[in-house]
Amino acid sequence: MARIYFDNAATTPLCEEARIAMINVIDNIHGNPSSIHADGRAARAIIEKSRKTIASIINSSVSEIFFTSGGTESNNMVLIGCVRDLAVKRIISSPVEHHCILHTLDYLNTHSDVQIVFIPVNKFGAPDLNALEEELKKSSELTLVTLMHVNNELGTVTDISKAASICKEHSAMFHSDTTQSIGLLPIDVQSQGIDFLTGSAHKFHGPKGVGFVYISNKYPIKSYIHGGSQERNMRAGTENLVGIAGMSSALEKTWSDREIIHEYVDTLRNQLKTGILEIFQDAYVNGDPEQYSSKILSVSFPPSDKNEMVLLSLDIHGISASGGSACSSGIEHTSGVLDYINEPSDRKTIRFSFSKYNNQNEVETCLEKLAQIFEAKKAFS
């Protein structure tokens, strides 16, 4: 029996378009993109075409797109670069950001004189933008605000247009980690006033180990990795040509199909949500009920002696889900995000996350297995 993969917020299966693009590079493009001969120029053409594709999707200049190893490196590049090169003295964020943001802020707090400020979040995990405005009014020091677009655990969507507008009004810079939203939700860095933006290929059916960062030409930061002049002196090291080709193809396909994907995935999400709430009367959904990502469903199950082993039980039944974000250690940890929204510790939260490759039969099977695991009384035909 084929496994059911409901952990697409952690990573997504590779799409056919990305696979074809990557195989083409592997089989036919052998040059180093920095070489001046024909083979090198062919490799360089792949990179610049990919850069143009990404720039067009977010409405940036091609000169503002830089390729990296993924979202973590991109976020580090922005946060550290702003402090090191732009004299940022204060960073405002939220306590429910991804670990690669929070851990980098911890590092900067220890190794620089930057002030770190966290604004509160509401019960859905959305940052309080009124509190953001109040914080910005308190000081005239150069400030960077970093807020994720879609919360990776809850699926709550932050109004980054409003956040960027508040920042502009108070002469602050704005960065958004759009790892969970790029390609699926409309983003226009020009009209929205976004100064820095980060994305990772494996969240939209591209390969793992490659990503990009948008850095506005208004705020030039210096190289993050040293040793060569690649990426216009912004990131030393031979570019991941295969990964870049796969990433741009995957993003182009996801973007072109985004409305179809949203409608289809939202149907699956609602099917699973409805079924769970019918089986478990005391279950509820975390996150904003209106401003949410269709790919993420965070469900809080009532107290039970089955809670401790439910993820393992699902795994044994052939279903991949998670308790929150994918942890670098591979061990399940208590979620800081759930702590900040005051989720009771005796309940169990499971994050189900979907893609265009899931189907309704998988949802029905998941509901059946959940009922079996918790020994619920729901009958299945």
Foldseek 3Di string as FASTA:
>chain_A
DAFAEQALLQFDAADPLLVVLLVCCVVPQDDFCPDPDPSNVVLVVLLLVLLVLQCVQQVHDSLQKFKFQFLLVQLLLVVVQCVVPVVAQEEEEAPQDDPSNVVSVVVCVVVHNHHYHHAAAALQLEGDLVSVLVVLVVDLGAYEYEYEQARSFAQFGYPLLVSLVSCVVSVYAYEYEDAQPQLQDRHHCVNSVHAKYWYGQRSQNADHRMIMMGHDPVDDGAAPDDDDCPSNRNYDDGDPSSRSSSRSSSSSVSNVCNVVWQVQLLVLLVLLQVLVCVQAVPKDWHHDPPRGRSFKTKIKGAADPLQVCVQVLSVVVSYHWAQGHCDPVNDDDDRPSCVSSPPDPRIGIIMGGDGPPHDNVSSVVSSVSVCVSRVTPDDDD
